[in-house]
Structure formats: C-alpha cells, structure tokens
N, C-alpha and C. Protein backbone atom coordinates (compact mmCIF):
# COMPACT_ATOMS: atom_id res chain seq x y z
N UNK A 1 -12.57 -20.67 9.10
CA UNK A 1 -11.22 -20.49 8.62
C UNK A 1 -10.96 -18.99 8.46
N UNK A 2 -9.94 -18.49 9.10
CA UNK A 2 -9.64 -17.06 9.06
C UNK A 2 -8.89 -16.65 7.82
N UNK A 3 -8.72 -15.37 7.68
CA UNK A 3 -8.05 -14.81 6.51
C UNK A 3 -6.61 -15.29 6.40
N UNK A 4 -5.88 -15.31 7.50
CA UNK A 4 -4.45 -15.60 7.44
C UNK A 4 -4.14 -17.05 7.82
N UNK A 5 -4.83 -17.98 7.21
CA UNK A 5 -4.51 -19.39 7.41
C UNK A 5 -3.50 -19.82 6.36
N UNK A 6 -2.63 -20.73 6.71
CA UNK A 6 -1.63 -21.19 5.78
C UNK A 6 -1.25 -22.62 6.10
N UNK A 7 -0.70 -23.33 5.12
CA UNK A 7 -0.31 -24.72 5.32
C UNK A 7 1.18 -24.83 5.59
N UNK A 8 1.99 -24.04 4.94
CA UNK A 8 3.44 -24.11 5.06
C UNK A 8 3.90 -22.90 5.84
N UNK A 9 4.85 -23.12 6.72
CA UNK A 9 5.40 -21.99 7.49
C UNK A 9 6.29 -21.16 6.58
N UNK A 10 5.98 -19.89 6.47
CA UNK A 10 6.80 -19.00 5.65
C UNK A 10 8.04 -18.58 6.43
N UNK A 11 9.12 -18.32 5.70
CA UNK A 11 10.33 -17.80 6.31
C UNK A 11 10.09 -16.35 6.72
N UNK A 12 11.00 -15.82 7.52
CA UNK A 12 10.91 -14.42 7.93
C UNK A 12 10.92 -13.50 6.70
N UNK A 13 11.77 -13.80 5.73
CA UNK A 13 11.85 -12.98 4.52
C UNK A 13 10.55 -13.05 3.72
N UNK A 14 9.94 -14.20 3.65
CA UNK A 14 8.67 -14.36 2.94
C UNK A 14 7.56 -13.57 3.63
N UNK A 15 7.53 -13.64 4.95
CA UNK A 15 6.54 -12.86 5.70
C UNK A 15 6.71 -11.37 5.45
N UNK A 16 7.98 -10.92 5.44
CA UNK A 16 8.26 -9.49 5.18
C UNK A 16 7.84 -9.11 3.77
N UNK A 17 8.08 -9.98 2.80
CA UNK A 17 7.72 -9.68 1.41
C UNK A 17 6.20 -9.51 1.27
N UNK A 18 5.45 -10.41 1.89
CA UNK A 18 3.99 -10.30 1.82
C UNK A 18 3.52 -9.04 2.56
N UNK A 19 4.12 -8.75 3.70
CA UNK A 19 3.78 -7.53 4.43
C UNK A 19 4.06 -6.30 3.57
N UNK A 20 5.21 -6.27 2.91
CA UNK A 20 5.55 -5.14 2.06
C UNK A 20 4.50 -4.98 0.96
N UNK A 21 4.10 -6.10 0.37
CA UNK A 21 3.10 -6.03 -0.70
C UNK A 21 1.77 -5.50 -0.16
N UNK A 22 1.39 -5.91 1.03
CA UNK A 22 0.16 -5.38 1.64
C UNK A 22 0.28 -3.88 1.88
N UNK A 23 1.44 -3.44 2.33
CA UNK A 23 1.66 -2.01 2.57
C UNK A 23 1.58 -1.20 1.28
N UNK A 24 2.09 -1.76 0.17
CA UNK A 24 1.98 -1.08 -1.12
C UNK A 24 0.52 -0.87 -1.49
N UNK A 25 -0.27 -1.90 -1.33
CA UNK A 25 -1.69 -1.79 -1.69
C UNK A 25 -2.40 -0.82 -0.76
N UNK A 26 -2.22 -0.99 0.53
CA UNK A 26 -2.91 -0.13 1.50
C UNK A 26 -2.53 1.33 1.32
N UNK A 27 -1.28 1.60 0.98
CA UNK A 27 -0.83 2.98 0.82
C UNK A 27 -1.13 3.60 -0.53
N UNK A 28 -1.67 2.83 -1.45
CA UNK A 28 -1.89 3.33 -2.81
C UNK A 28 -2.88 4.48 -2.89
N UNK A 29 -3.79 4.58 -1.92
CA UNK A 29 -4.76 5.68 -1.93
C UNK A 29 -4.37 6.79 -0.96
N UNK A 30 -3.13 6.74 -0.47
CA UNK A 30 -2.57 7.77 0.41
C UNK A 30 -3.31 7.93 1.72
N UNK A 31 -3.95 6.86 2.18
CA UNK A 31 -4.59 6.90 3.50
C UNK A 31 -4.64 5.48 4.06
N UNK A 32 -4.62 5.40 5.37
CA UNK A 32 -4.77 4.12 6.05
C UNK A 32 -5.92 4.28 7.03
N UNK A 33 -6.99 3.53 6.78
CA UNK A 33 -8.16 3.61 7.65
C UNK A 33 -8.11 2.47 8.67
N UNK A 34 -8.99 2.53 9.65
CA UNK A 34 -9.00 1.54 10.73
C UNK A 34 -9.06 0.11 10.23
N UNK A 35 -9.89 -0.15 9.23
CA UNK A 35 -10.03 -1.52 8.72
C UNK A 35 -8.70 -2.03 8.16
N UNK A 36 -7.94 -1.16 7.53
CA UNK A 36 -6.64 -1.55 6.98
C UNK A 36 -5.63 -1.77 8.10
N UNK A 37 -5.67 -0.92 9.11
CA UNK A 37 -4.81 -1.11 10.27
C UNK A 37 -5.12 -2.42 10.98
N UNK A 38 -6.41 -2.73 11.07
CA UNK A 38 -6.82 -4.00 11.69
C UNK A 38 -6.35 -5.20 10.86
N UNK A 39 -6.37 -5.05 9.55
CA UNK A 39 -5.88 -6.11 8.68
C UNK A 39 -4.40 -6.37 8.94
N UNK A 40 -3.62 -5.31 9.02
CA UNK A 40 -2.20 -5.46 9.32
C UNK A 40 -1.99 -6.05 10.71
N UNK A 41 -2.78 -5.62 11.68
CA UNK A 41 -2.66 -6.16 13.04
C UNK A 41 -2.94 -7.66 13.04
N UNK A 42 -3.91 -8.10 12.26
CA UNK A 42 -4.21 -9.53 12.14
C UNK A 42 -3.03 -10.28 11.53
N UNK A 43 -2.41 -9.67 10.53
CA UNK A 43 -1.24 -10.28 9.88
C UNK A 43 -0.10 -10.43 10.89
N UNK A 44 0.18 -9.36 11.64
CA UNK A 44 1.25 -9.42 12.65
C UNK A 44 0.97 -10.53 13.67
N UNK A 45 -0.26 -10.61 14.11
CA UNK A 45 -0.63 -11.61 15.11
C UNK A 45 -0.49 -13.02 14.55
N UNK A 46 -1.05 -13.26 13.37
CA UNK A 46 -1.04 -14.60 12.77
C UNK A 46 0.38 -15.10 12.56
N UNK A 47 1.25 -14.20 12.09
CA UNK A 47 2.62 -14.60 11.77
C UNK A 47 3.60 -14.31 12.90
N UNK A 48 3.07 -13.94 14.07
CA UNK A 48 3.89 -13.70 15.26
C UNK A 48 5.01 -12.70 14.99
N UNK A 49 4.63 -11.56 14.43
CA UNK A 49 5.58 -10.50 14.10
C UNK A 49 5.40 -9.32 15.05
N UNK A 50 6.50 -8.75 15.49
CA UNK A 50 6.45 -7.49 16.22
C UNK A 50 6.16 -6.40 15.20
N UNK A 51 5.10 -5.65 15.40
CA UNK A 51 4.65 -4.70 14.38
C UNK A 51 5.71 -3.66 14.03
N UNK A 52 6.35 -3.06 15.03
CA UNK A 52 7.34 -2.01 14.76
C UNK A 52 8.54 -2.58 14.01
N UNK A 53 9.03 -3.71 14.45
CA UNK A 53 10.18 -4.34 13.79
C UNK A 53 9.83 -4.77 12.37
N UNK A 54 8.67 -5.39 12.21
CA UNK A 54 8.26 -5.87 10.88
C UNK A 54 8.07 -4.71 9.90
N UNK A 55 7.48 -3.62 10.37
CA UNK A 55 7.28 -2.47 9.48
C UNK A 55 8.62 -1.86 9.09
N UNK A 56 9.54 -1.79 10.02
CA UNK A 56 10.88 -1.27 9.72
C UNK A 56 11.58 -2.17 8.71
N UNK A 57 11.53 -3.47 8.94
CA UNK A 57 12.23 -4.41 8.07
C UNK A 57 11.63 -4.47 6.67
N UNK A 58 10.30 -4.42 6.57
CA UNK A 58 9.69 -4.45 5.24
C UNK A 58 10.04 -3.19 4.46
N UNK A 59 10.18 -2.07 5.18
CA UNK A 59 10.52 -0.81 4.50
C UNK A 59 11.91 -0.85 3.90
N UNK A 60 12.79 -1.67 4.49
CA UNK A 60 14.16 -1.75 3.98
C UNK A 60 14.30 -2.78 2.85
N UNK A 61 13.26 -3.54 2.58
CA UNK A 61 13.29 -4.52 1.49
C UNK A 61 12.96 -3.82 0.18
N UNK A 62 13.70 -4.10 -0.86
CA UNK A 62 13.42 -3.49 -2.16
C UNK A 62 12.17 -4.13 -2.79
N UNK A 63 11.55 -3.39 -3.67
CA UNK A 63 10.39 -3.92 -4.39
C UNK A 63 10.80 -5.13 -5.22
N UNK A 64 11.96 -5.07 -5.84
CA UNK A 64 12.44 -6.19 -6.65
C UNK A 64 12.61 -7.45 -5.81
N UNK A 65 13.18 -7.31 -4.63
CA UNK A 65 13.35 -8.46 -3.74
C UNK A 65 12.00 -9.02 -3.34
N UNK A 66 11.06 -8.14 -3.00
CA UNK A 66 9.71 -8.57 -2.65
C UNK A 66 9.11 -9.39 -3.78
N UNK A 67 9.21 -8.88 -5.01
CA UNK A 67 8.63 -9.56 -6.16
C UNK A 67 9.30 -10.92 -6.40
N UNK A 68 10.62 -10.98 -6.29
CA UNK A 68 11.33 -12.24 -6.50
C UNK A 68 10.94 -13.29 -5.47
N UNK A 69 10.79 -12.86 -4.22
CA UNK A 69 10.40 -13.80 -3.16
C UNK A 69 9.01 -14.35 -3.42
N UNK A 70 8.06 -13.47 -3.70
CA UNK A 70 6.68 -13.92 -3.92
C UNK A 70 6.59 -14.75 -5.21
N UNK A 71 7.36 -14.40 -6.22
CA UNK A 71 7.38 -15.14 -7.49
C UNK A 71 7.76 -16.62 -7.26
N UNK A 72 8.59 -16.89 -6.26
CA UNK A 72 9.04 -18.26 -5.96
C UNK A 72 8.02 -19.07 -5.16
N UNK A 73 6.96 -18.45 -4.69
CA UNK A 73 5.94 -19.16 -3.92
C UNK A 73 5.27 -20.24 -4.77
N UNK A 74 4.73 -21.24 -4.08
CA UNK A 74 3.90 -22.24 -4.76
C UNK A 74 2.63 -21.55 -5.26
N UNK A 75 1.95 -22.21 -6.18
CA UNK A 75 0.69 -21.64 -6.69
C UNK A 75 -0.32 -21.47 -5.55
N UNK A 76 -0.33 -22.41 -4.62
CA UNK A 76 -1.24 -22.31 -3.47
C UNK A 76 -0.92 -21.06 -2.63
N UNK A 77 0.36 -20.84 -2.36
CA UNK A 77 0.75 -19.66 -1.60
C UNK A 77 0.47 -18.37 -2.37
N UNK A 78 0.67 -18.40 -3.68
CA UNK A 78 0.38 -17.21 -4.50
C UNK A 78 -1.10 -16.87 -4.43
N UNK A 79 -1.96 -17.87 -4.45
CA UNK A 79 -3.39 -17.60 -4.35
C UNK A 79 -3.75 -17.08 -2.97
N UNK A 80 -3.07 -17.55 -1.95
CA UNK A 80 -3.27 -17.02 -0.60
C UNK A 80 -2.87 -15.55 -0.55
N UNK A 81 -1.72 -15.22 -1.15
CA UNK A 81 -1.28 -13.83 -1.21
C UNK A 81 -2.31 -12.98 -1.96
N UNK A 82 -2.81 -13.49 -3.09
CA UNK A 82 -3.82 -12.75 -3.85
C UNK A 82 -5.05 -12.50 -2.99
N UNK A 83 -5.45 -13.49 -2.20
CA UNK A 83 -6.59 -13.29 -1.30
C UNK A 83 -6.30 -12.21 -0.26
N UNK A 84 -5.07 -12.17 0.26
CA UNK A 84 -4.69 -11.11 1.19
C UNK A 84 -4.80 -9.75 0.51
N UNK A 85 -4.30 -9.69 -0.71
CA UNK A 85 -4.34 -8.43 -1.46
C UNK A 85 -5.77 -7.97 -1.71
N UNK A 86 -6.63 -8.92 -2.08
CA UNK A 86 -8.04 -8.58 -2.29
C UNK A 86 -8.65 -8.03 -1.00
N UNK A 87 -8.31 -8.64 0.12
CA UNK A 87 -8.81 -8.17 1.41
C UNK A 87 -8.29 -6.76 1.70
N UNK A 88 -7.02 -6.50 1.37
CA UNK A 88 -6.45 -5.17 1.60
C UNK A 88 -7.18 -4.11 0.77
N UNK A 89 -7.58 -4.47 -0.43
CA UNK A 89 -8.30 -3.53 -1.30
C UNK A 89 -9.72 -3.29 -0.80
N UNK A 90 -10.37 -4.34 -0.32
CA UNK A 90 -11.80 -4.24 -0.05
C UNK A 90 -12.19 -4.10 1.42
N UNK A 91 -11.26 -4.23 2.35
CA UNK A 91 -11.61 -4.29 3.77
C UNK A 91 -12.27 -3.01 4.29
N UNK A 92 -11.99 -1.88 3.65
CA UNK A 92 -12.60 -0.63 4.12
C UNK A 92 -13.91 -0.30 3.43
N UNK A 93 -14.38 -1.21 2.55
CA UNK A 93 -15.64 -1.01 1.86
C UNK A 93 -15.53 -0.10 0.65
N UNK A 94 -14.33 0.38 0.36
CA UNK A 94 -14.09 1.29 -0.77
C UNK A 94 -13.10 0.63 -1.71
N UNK A 95 -13.55 0.26 -2.91
CA UNK A 95 -12.66 -0.35 -3.90
C UNK A 95 -11.98 0.80 -4.64
N UNK A 96 -10.82 1.20 -4.14
CA UNK A 96 -10.09 2.33 -4.69
C UNK A 96 -9.34 1.91 -5.95
N UNK A 97 -9.51 2.65 -7.06
CA UNK A 97 -8.84 2.28 -8.31
C UNK A 97 -7.31 2.24 -8.20
N UNK A 98 -6.72 3.10 -7.39
CA UNK A 98 -5.27 3.08 -7.22
C UNK A 98 -4.81 1.79 -6.54
N UNK A 99 -5.57 1.34 -5.56
CA UNK A 99 -5.23 0.09 -4.89
C UNK A 99 -5.36 -1.09 -5.85
N UNK A 100 -6.41 -1.08 -6.66
CA UNK A 100 -6.60 -2.15 -7.64
C UNK A 100 -5.46 -2.16 -8.65
N UNK A 101 -5.06 -0.98 -9.11
CA UNK A 101 -3.95 -0.89 -10.07
C UNK A 101 -2.67 -1.47 -9.48
N UNK A 102 -2.36 -1.11 -8.23
CA UNK A 102 -1.17 -1.64 -7.57
C UNK A 102 -1.26 -3.16 -7.47
N UNK A 103 -2.42 -3.67 -7.10
CA UNK A 103 -2.61 -5.11 -6.99
C UNK A 103 -2.33 -5.79 -8.33
N UNK A 104 -2.89 -5.28 -9.40
CA UNK A 104 -2.74 -5.89 -10.72
C UNK A 104 -1.27 -5.86 -11.17
N UNK A 105 -0.62 -4.73 -10.99
CA UNK A 105 0.80 -4.62 -11.37
C UNK A 105 1.65 -5.59 -10.57
N UNK A 106 1.41 -5.67 -9.26
CA UNK A 106 2.18 -6.59 -8.42
C UNK A 106 1.90 -8.04 -8.82
N UNK A 107 0.64 -8.36 -9.11
CA UNK A 107 0.31 -9.73 -9.51
C UNK A 107 1.08 -10.11 -10.77
N UNK A 108 1.14 -9.21 -11.73
CA UNK A 108 1.90 -9.48 -12.96
C UNK A 108 3.38 -9.69 -12.64
N UNK A 109 3.95 -8.80 -11.84
CA UNK A 109 5.38 -8.87 -11.52
C UNK A 109 5.73 -10.08 -10.64
N UNK A 110 4.76 -10.56 -9.86
CA UNK A 110 5.00 -11.69 -8.96
C UNK A 110 4.55 -13.02 -9.55
N UNK A 111 4.05 -12.99 -10.79
CA UNK A 111 3.63 -14.23 -11.43
C UNK A 111 2.38 -14.83 -10.83
N UNK A 112 1.46 -13.97 -10.39
CA UNK A 112 0.22 -14.45 -9.78
C UNK A 112 -0.92 -14.29 -10.77
N UNK A 113 -1.63 -15.38 -11.01
CA UNK A 113 -2.78 -15.36 -11.92
C UNK A 113 -3.93 -14.61 -11.26
N UNK A 114 -4.37 -13.55 -11.90
CA UNK A 114 -5.47 -12.76 -11.35
C UNK A 114 -6.63 -12.69 -12.35
N UNK A 115 -6.69 -13.64 -13.28
CA UNK A 115 -7.69 -13.59 -14.35
C UNK A 115 -9.13 -13.67 -13.86
N UNK A 116 -9.34 -14.25 -12.71
CA UNK A 116 -10.70 -14.36 -12.18
C UNK A 116 -10.95 -13.37 -11.04
N UNK A 117 -10.12 -12.35 -10.97
CA UNK A 117 -10.20 -11.37 -9.88
C UNK A 117 -11.51 -10.60 -9.92
N UNK A 118 -12.17 -10.55 -8.78
CA UNK A 118 -13.36 -9.70 -8.60
C UNK A 118 -13.37 -9.25 -7.16
N UNK A 119 -14.08 -8.14 -6.92
CA UNK A 119 -14.11 -7.57 -5.59
C UNK A 119 -15.52 -7.40 -5.09
N UNK A 120 -15.66 -7.69 -3.82
CA UNK A 120 -16.89 -7.38 -3.09
C UNK A 120 -16.45 -6.63 -1.85
N UNK A 121 -16.97 -5.43 -1.63
CA UNK A 121 -16.59 -4.70 -0.42
C UNK A 121 -16.77 -5.54 0.83
N UNK A 122 -15.83 -5.39 1.77
CA UNK A 122 -15.83 -6.09 3.06
C UNK A 122 -15.90 -7.60 2.88
N UNK A 123 -15.06 -8.15 1.98
CA UNK A 123 -15.02 -9.59 1.76
C UNK A 123 -14.60 -10.31 3.03
C-alpha cells in the first residue's frame, strides 16, 4: 500500500488544500530537497494533477480556506492527511523543528488529532 492511497475521491479543491498544506510544511525550513520534491511528484501523480497548474492554484488558495476544507474531512481522511504531513517532515531524514511546528499548528487549526504523533526519519 503506497503513501497516497485513499478510499474516497477528493474534489479538486480538497486536493489543492492538501497540496497547500504539504507545501507549508516542506517550505518551513526554507529549503526543498530531492526527497521532498519526489514526495510532491508522487502526490501529483496519484491525484492526476498537472504540477505547474496545481502549484499555481494552491498558491492562490488562502490558508483559511485550506484549513476550512481540511477541517470538513472525515476522521479517516484527516488521519491520511496527517500521515502525508508526517512523510513531508521526515522524508529527507531530517526532522526539522520548524516543519514540526507548522505541522502541529496546522493540525490544531484543521481539527486533526495529533496526540500520538511521533517521527521516524524516512518513514
């Protein structure tokens, strides 16, 4: 089972919201390494998104809109998003404190339970 498996088809807006959240985490340490680029490429492929269009569209979405969209997800989808976020933090083998902080703040704002959150590099 791959990282980007899902049961319910997300809308275009939902896909953009999750992409935006991934971009927030990945950009929190002011660098994007190959592993993070590969993670985004996997997301684009799984959700059949054109990378240039998706990046442009997520950039035009407000943080508030992103949070409201993710907040409406089912608990199952929220846990899937949390797993994506954990992967974004750990995929480069460096658990950056800024990325973790962004993840925790977004989880609170999006109504995602992160009480059992732990990280292992290269999960």
